[in-house]
Amino acid sequence: MDVSINFLSNLSGVFLTISIFSLTIIITVLNKYASSVTPRMVQDFIDRTDVLSLHGIFVGGFFYSVISLFMLQNVDSKANVMTGSLGVVYSILAMIGFVIFSQRILENLKISNIIENLSQDCASLVDEQLTLRRQASMEERGDLADEVSILSQATGYLFEID
């Protein structure tokens, strides 16, 4: 019980510190994006699940440790509890997430990686739309089409594809 309380109180401070640190890193990358690339790319960075999910993991860990500390106040000091062990497992998973997050951030700082990710996203979108439109045109006419037009529904990254 005492070990769990000591560990959880330290863990809450660590989670709070790392959540502030990860938010600072995210804001730094957003500033770099804002000065180097278009606003659309900034929004794409924000929309990525691997960016903000890590921040949520650390905020969730902070809340877990604080709520666990409040719940342990009414428990006998000689009782066996699992909250400290669950905190250890949670912190290990959070650190693995932080390592993955760090790798993603370092990859996203290179402009060449941004362009490559954009190119892959566009290629997969074009392939997906091409497949859907070929299937739709085959059903309408009853035969295979040699050529399928892909028209943009809204403005995006590319103005023309040769």
C-alpha atoms as a PDB file:
ATOM      1  CA  MET A   1       0.000   0.000   0.000  1.00  0.00           C
ATOM      2  CA  ASP A   2       2.701   2.512   0.964  1.00  0.00           C
ATOM      3  CA  VAL A   3       4.799   1.591  -2.055  1.00  0.00           C
ATOM      4  CA  SER A   4       1.780   2.070  -4.335  1.00  0.00           C
ATOM      5  CA  ILE A   5       1.025   5.491  -2.858  1.00  0.00           C
ATOM      6  CA  ASN A   6       4.647   6.630  -3.231  1.00  0.00           C
ATOM      7  CA  PHE A   7       4.884   5.271  -6.755  1.00  0.00           C
ATOM      8  CA  LEU A   8       1.569   6.742  -7.889  1.00  0.00           C
ATOM      9  CA  SER A   9       2.378  10.164  -6.476  1.00  0.00           C
ATOM     10  CA  ASN A  10       5.701  10.177  -8.352  1.00  0.00           C
ATOM     11  CA  LEU A  11       4.012   8.784 -11.459  1.00  0.00           C
ATOM     12  CA  SER A  12       1.406  11.556 -11.485  1.00  0.00           C
ATOM     13  CA  GLY A  13       4.194  14.146 -11.530  1.00  0.00           C
ATOM     14  CA  VAL A  14       6.023  12.313 -14.281  1.00  0.00           C
ATOM     15  CA  PHE A  15       2.896  11.998 -16.427  1.00  0.00           C
ATOM     16  CA  LEU A  16       2.081  15.667 -15.970  1.00  0.00           C
ATOM     17  CA  THR A  17       5.632  16.686 -16.891  1.00  0.00           C
ATOM     18  CA  ILE A  18       5.781  14.460 -19.963  1.00  0.00           C
ATOM     19  CA  SER A  19       2.328  15.556 -21.162  1.00  0.00           C
ATOM     20  CA  ILE A  20       3.481  19.181 -21.011  1.00  0.00           C
ATOM     21  CA  PHE A  21       6.724  18.215 -22.772  1.00  0.00           C
ATOM     22  CA  SER A  22       4.884  16.337 -25.536  1.00  0.00           C
ATOM     23  CA  LEU A  23       2.512  19.268 -26.028  1.00  0.00           C
ATOM     24  CA  THR A  24       5.534  21.569 -26.318  1.00  0.00           C
ATOM     25  CA  ILE A  25       7.055  19.280 -28.955  1.00  0.00           C
ATOM     26  CA  ILE A  26       3.781  19.218 -30.906  1.00  0.00           C
ATOM     27  CA  ILE A  27       3.561  23.015 -30.834  1.00  0.00           C
ATOM     28  CA  THR A  28       7.215  23.300 -31.948  1.00  0.00           C
ATOM     29  CA  VAL A  29       6.580  21.038 -34.924  1.00  0.00           C
ATOM     30  CA  LEU A  30       3.418  22.977 -35.763  1.00  0.00           C
ATOM     31  CA  ASN A  31       5.432  26.212 -35.774  1.00  0.00           C
ATOM     32  CA  LYS A  32       7.984  24.630 -38.101  1.00  0.00           C
ATOM     33  CA  TYR A  33       5.191  23.400 -40.362  1.00  0.00           C
ATOM     34  CA  ALA A  34       3.487  26.796 -40.332  1.00  0.00           C
ATOM     35  CA  SER A  35       6.658  28.516 -41.472  1.00  0.00           C
ATOM     36  CA  SER A  36       7.742  25.859 -43.996  1.00  0.00           C
ATOM     37  CA  VAL A  37       4.639  24.331 -45.565  1.00  0.00           C
ATOM     38  CA  THR A  38       1.027  25.160 -46.358  1.00  0.00           C
ATOM     39  CA  PRO A  39      -1.755  25.467 -43.760  1.00  0.00           C
ATOM     40  CA  ARG A  40      -3.296  22.288 -45.179  1.00  0.00           C
ATOM     41  CA  MET A  41      -0.163  20.335 -44.202  1.00  0.00           C
ATOM     42  CA  VAL A  42      -0.382  21.770 -40.694  1.00  0.00           C
ATOM     43  CA  GLN A  43      -3.950  20.480 -40.446  1.00  0.00           C
ATOM     44  CA  ASP A  44      -2.856  17.068 -41.747  1.00  0.00           C
ATOM     45  CA  PHE A  45      -0.221  16.900 -39.012  1.00  0.00           C
ATOM     46  CA  ILE A  46      -2.802  17.741 -36.366  1.00  0.00           C
ATOM     47  CA  ASP A  47      -5.265  15.173 -37.748  1.00  0.00           C
ATOM     48  CA  ARG A  48      -2.782  12.286 -37.523  1.00  0.00           C
ATOM     49  CA  THR A  49      -3.828   9.879 -34.805  1.00  0.00           C
ATOM     50  CA  ASP A  50      -0.292   9.076 -33.698  1.00  0.00           C
ATOM     51  CA  VAL A  51       0.396  12.710 -32.807  1.00  0.00           C
ATOM     52  CA  LEU A  52      -2.353  13.599 -30.380  1.00  0.00           C
ATOM     53  CA  SER A  53      -2.973  10.075 -29.102  1.00  0.00           C
ATOM     54  CA  LEU A  54       0.297  10.092 -27.176  1.00  0.00           C
ATOM     55  CA  HIS A  55      -0.670  13.309 -25.452  1.00  0.00           C
ATOM     56  CA  GLY A  56      -3.955  11.622 -24.485  1.00  0.00           C
ATOM     57  CA  ILE A  57      -2.074   8.615 -23.103  1.00  0.00           C
ATOM     58  CA  PHE A  58      -0.048  10.788 -20.736  1.00  0.00           C
ATOM     59  CA  VAL A  59      -3.017  12.887 -19.661  1.00  0.00           C
ATOM     60  CA  GLY A  60      -4.944   9.665 -19.050  1.00  0.00           C
ATOM     61  CA  GLY A  61      -2.042   8.303 -16.995  1.00  0.00           C
ATOM     62  CA  PHE A  62      -2.027  11.470 -14.912  1.00  0.00           C
ATOM     63  CA  PHE A  63      -5.734  11.152 -14.204  1.00  0.00           C
ATOM     64  CA  TYR A  64      -5.369   7.430 -13.424  1.00  0.00           C
ATOM     65  CA  SER A  65      -2.644   8.049 -10.873  1.00  0.00           C
ATOM     66  CA  VAL A  66      -4.424  10.976  -9.196  1.00  0.00           C
ATOM     67  CA  ILE A  67      -7.772   9.170  -9.005  1.00  0.00           C
ATOM     68  CA  SER A  68      -6.034   6.059  -7.675  1.00  0.00           C
ATOM     69  CA  LEU A  69      -4.374   8.138  -4.967  1.00  0.00           C
ATOM     70  CA  PHE A  70      -7.748   9.528  -3.918  1.00  0.00           C
ATOM     71  CA  MET A  71      -9.239   6.033  -3.808  1.00  0.00           C
ATOM     72  CA  LEU A  72      -6.341   4.668  -1.738  1.00  0.00           C
ATOM     73  CA  GLN A  73      -6.956   7.167   1.076  1.00  0.00           C
ATOM     74  CA  ASN A  74      -9.772   5.042   2.517  1.00  0.00           C
ATOM     75  CA  VAL A  75      -7.973   1.688   2.256  1.00  0.00           C
ATOM     76  CA  ASP A  76      -6.197   0.015   5.170  1.00  0.00           C
ATOM     77  CA  SER A  77      -2.419   0.583   5.056  1.00  0.00           C
ATOM     78  CA  LYS A  78      -1.734  -3.167   5.312  1.00  0.00           C
ATOM     79  CA  ALA A  79      -4.013  -4.124   2.438  1.00  0.00           C
ATOM     80  CA  ASN A  80      -2.652  -5.410  -0.849  1.00  0.00           C
ATOM     81  CA  VAL A  81      -3.601  -3.287  -3.831  1.00  0.00           C
ATOM     82  CA  MET A  82      -3.012  -3.580  -7.574  1.00  0.00           C
ATOM     83  CA  THR A  83      -3.063   0.088  -8.499  1.00  0.00           C
ATOM     84  CA  GLY A  84       0.720   0.420  -8.257  1.00  0.00           C
ATOM     85  CA  SER A  85       1.265  -2.632 -10.471  1.00  0.00           C
ATOM     86  CA  LEU A  86      -1.225  -1.342 -13.036  1.00  0.00           C
ATOM     87  CA  GLY A  87       0.573   2.005 -12.904  1.00  0.00           C
ATOM     88  CA  VAL A  88       3.865   0.262 -13.702  1.00  0.00           C
ATOM     89  CA  VAL A  89       2.333  -1.509 -16.706  1.00  0.00           C
ATOM     90  CA  TYR A  90       0.674   1.710 -17.878  1.00  0.00           C
ATOM     91  CA  SER A  91       3.920   3.661 -17.561  1.00  0.00           C
ATOM     92  CA  ILE A  92       5.859   1.031 -19.545  1.00  0.00           C
ATOM     93  CA  LEU A  93       3.279   1.183 -22.338  1.00  0.00           C
ATOM     94  CA  ALA A  94       3.346   4.982 -22.218  1.00  0.00           C
ATOM     95  CA  MET A  95       7.132   5.023 -22.576  1.00  0.00           C
ATOM     96  CA  ILE A  96       6.938   2.704 -25.583  1.00  0.00           C
ATOM     97  CA  GLY A  97       4.379   5.114 -27.031  1.00  0.00           C
ATOM     98  CA  PHE A  98       6.715   8.017 -26.323  1.00  0.00           C
ATOM     99  CA  VAL A  99       9.559   6.331 -28.204  1.00  0.00           C
ATOM    100  CA  ILE A 100       7.272   5.749 -31.200  1.00  0.00           C
ATOM    101  CA  PHE A 101       6.053   9.349 -30.942  1.00  0.00           C
ATOM    102  CA  SER A 102       9.640  10.630 -30.923  1.00  0.00           C
ATOM    103  CA  GLN A 103      10.433   8.651 -34.057  1.00  0.00           C
ATOM    104  CA  ARG A 104       7.349  10.015 -35.820  1.00  0.00           C
ATOM    105  CA  ILE A 105       8.168  13.587 -34.846  1.00  0.00           C
ATOM    106  CA  LEU A 106      11.744  13.253 -36.088  1.00  0.00           C
ATOM    107  CA  GLU A 107      10.455  11.800 -39.354  1.00  0.00           C
ATOM    108  CA  ASN A 108       7.932  14.612 -39.727  1.00  0.00           C
ATOM    109  CA  LEU A 109      10.551  17.323 -39.301  1.00  0.00           C
ATOM    110  CA  LYS A 110      12.181  16.476 -42.634  1.00  0.00           C
ATOM    111  CA  ILE A 111      10.542  18.197 -45.582  1.00  0.00           C
ATOM    112  CA  SER A 112      11.444  15.257 -47.844  1.00  0.00           C
ATOM    113  CA  ASN A 113       9.461  12.922 -45.582  1.00  0.00           C
ATOM    114  CA  ILE A 114       6.505  15.310 -45.663  1.00  0.00           C
ATOM    115  CA  ILE A 115       6.551  15.284 -49.463  1.00  0.00           C
ATOM    116  CA  GLU A 116       6.910  11.497 -49.556  1.00  0.00           C
ATOM    117  CA  ASN A 117       3.968  11.015 -47.164  1.00  0.00           C
ATOM    118  CA  LEU A 118       1.911  13.419 -49.240  1.00  0.00           C
ATOM    119  CA  SER A 119       2.795  11.548 -52.413  1.00  0.00           C
ATOM    120  CA  GLN A 120       1.814   8.204 -50.866  1.00  0.00           C
ATOM    121  CA  ASP A 121      -1.465   9.631 -49.576  1.00  0.00           C
ATOM    122  CA  CYS A 122      -2.287  11.065 -52.984  1.00  0.00           C
ATOM    123  CA  ALA A 123      -1.375   7.857 -54.821  1.00  0.00           C
ATOM    124  CA  SER A 124      -3.551   5.740 -52.547  1.00  0.00           C
ATOM    125  CA  LEU A 125      -6.432   8.218 -52.890  1.00  0.00           C
ATOM    126  CA  VAL A 126      -6.170   8.231 -56.675  1.00  0.00           C
ATOM    127  CA  ASP A 127      -5.992   4.417 -56.787  1.00  0.00           C
ATOM    128  CA  GLU A 128      -9.011   4.110 -54.503  1.00  0.00           C
ATOM    129  CA  GLN A 129     -11.053   6.584 -56.527  1.00  0.00           C
ATOM    130  CA  LEU A 130     -10.007   4.949 -59.788  1.00  0.00           C
ATOM    131  CA  THR A 131     -11.156   1.544 -58.545  1.00  0.00           C
ATOM    132  CA  LEU A 132     -14.475   2.914 -57.336  1.00  0.00           C
ATOM    133  CA  ARG A 133     -15.136   4.811 -60.549  1.00  0.00           C
ATOM    134  CA  ARG A 134     -14.219   1.868 -62.764  1.00  0.00           C
ATOM    135  CA  GLN A 135     -16.650  -0.317 -60.844  1.00  0.00           C
ATOM    136  CA  ALA A 136     -19.363   2.325 -61.098  1.00  0.00           C
ATOM    137  CA  SER A 137     -18.832   2.868 -64.849  1.00  0.00           C
ATOM    138  CA  MET A 138     -18.848  -0.892 -65.533  1.00  0.00           C
ATOM    139  CA  GLU A 139     -22.199  -1.236 -63.799  1.00  0.00           C
ATOM    140  CA  GLU A 140     -23.715   1.670 -65.725  1.00  0.00           C
ATOM    141  CA  ARG A 141     -22.599   0.643 -69.204  1.00  0.00           C
ATOM    142  CA  GLY A 142     -22.143  -3.055 -68.734  1.00  0.00           C
ATOM    143  CA  ASP A 143     -18.622  -3.083 -70.210  1.00  0.00           C
ATOM    144  CA  LEU A 144     -15.056  -2.257 -69.239  1.00  0.00           C
ATOM    145  CA  ALA A 145     -13.772   1.277 -69.581  1.00  0.00           C
ATOM    146  CA  ASP A 146     -10.330   2.071 -70.988  1.00  0.00           C
ATOM    147  CA  GLU A 147     -10.275   5.505 -69.455  1.00  0.00           C
ATOM    148  CA  VAL A 148     -11.848   6.890 -66.293  1.00  0.00           C
ATOM    149  CA  SER A 149     -11.995  10.574 -65.415  1.00  0.00           C
ATOM    150  CA  ILE A 150     -11.177  11.487 -61.831  1.00  0.00           C
ATOM    151  CA  LEU A 151     -12.445  14.933 -60.967  1.00  0.00           C
ATOM    152  CA  SER A 152     -11.734  16.658 -57.691  1.00  0.00           C
ATOM    153  CA  GLN A 153     -14.661  17.381 -55.384  1.00  0.00           C
ATOM    154  CA  ALA A 154     -12.744  20.197 -53.667  1.00  0.00           C
ATOM    155  CA  THR A 155      -9.384  21.935 -53.883  1.00  0.00           C
ATOM    156  CA  GLY A 156      -6.440  20.030 -52.493  1.00  0.00           C
ATOM    157  CA  TYR A 157      -2.718  19.632 -52.898  1.00  0.00           C
ATOM    158  CA  LEU A 158      -2.396  19.162 -56.633  1.00  0.00           C
ATOM    159  CA  PHE A 159      -3.707  21.327 -59.410  1.00  0.00           C
ATOM    160  CA  GLU A 160      -2.749  19.056 -62.300  1.00  0.00           C
ATOM    161  CA  ILE A 161      -1.642  15.469 -62.814  1.00  0.00           C
ATOM    162  CA  ASP A 162       0.121  14.692 -66.081  1.00  0.00           C
END
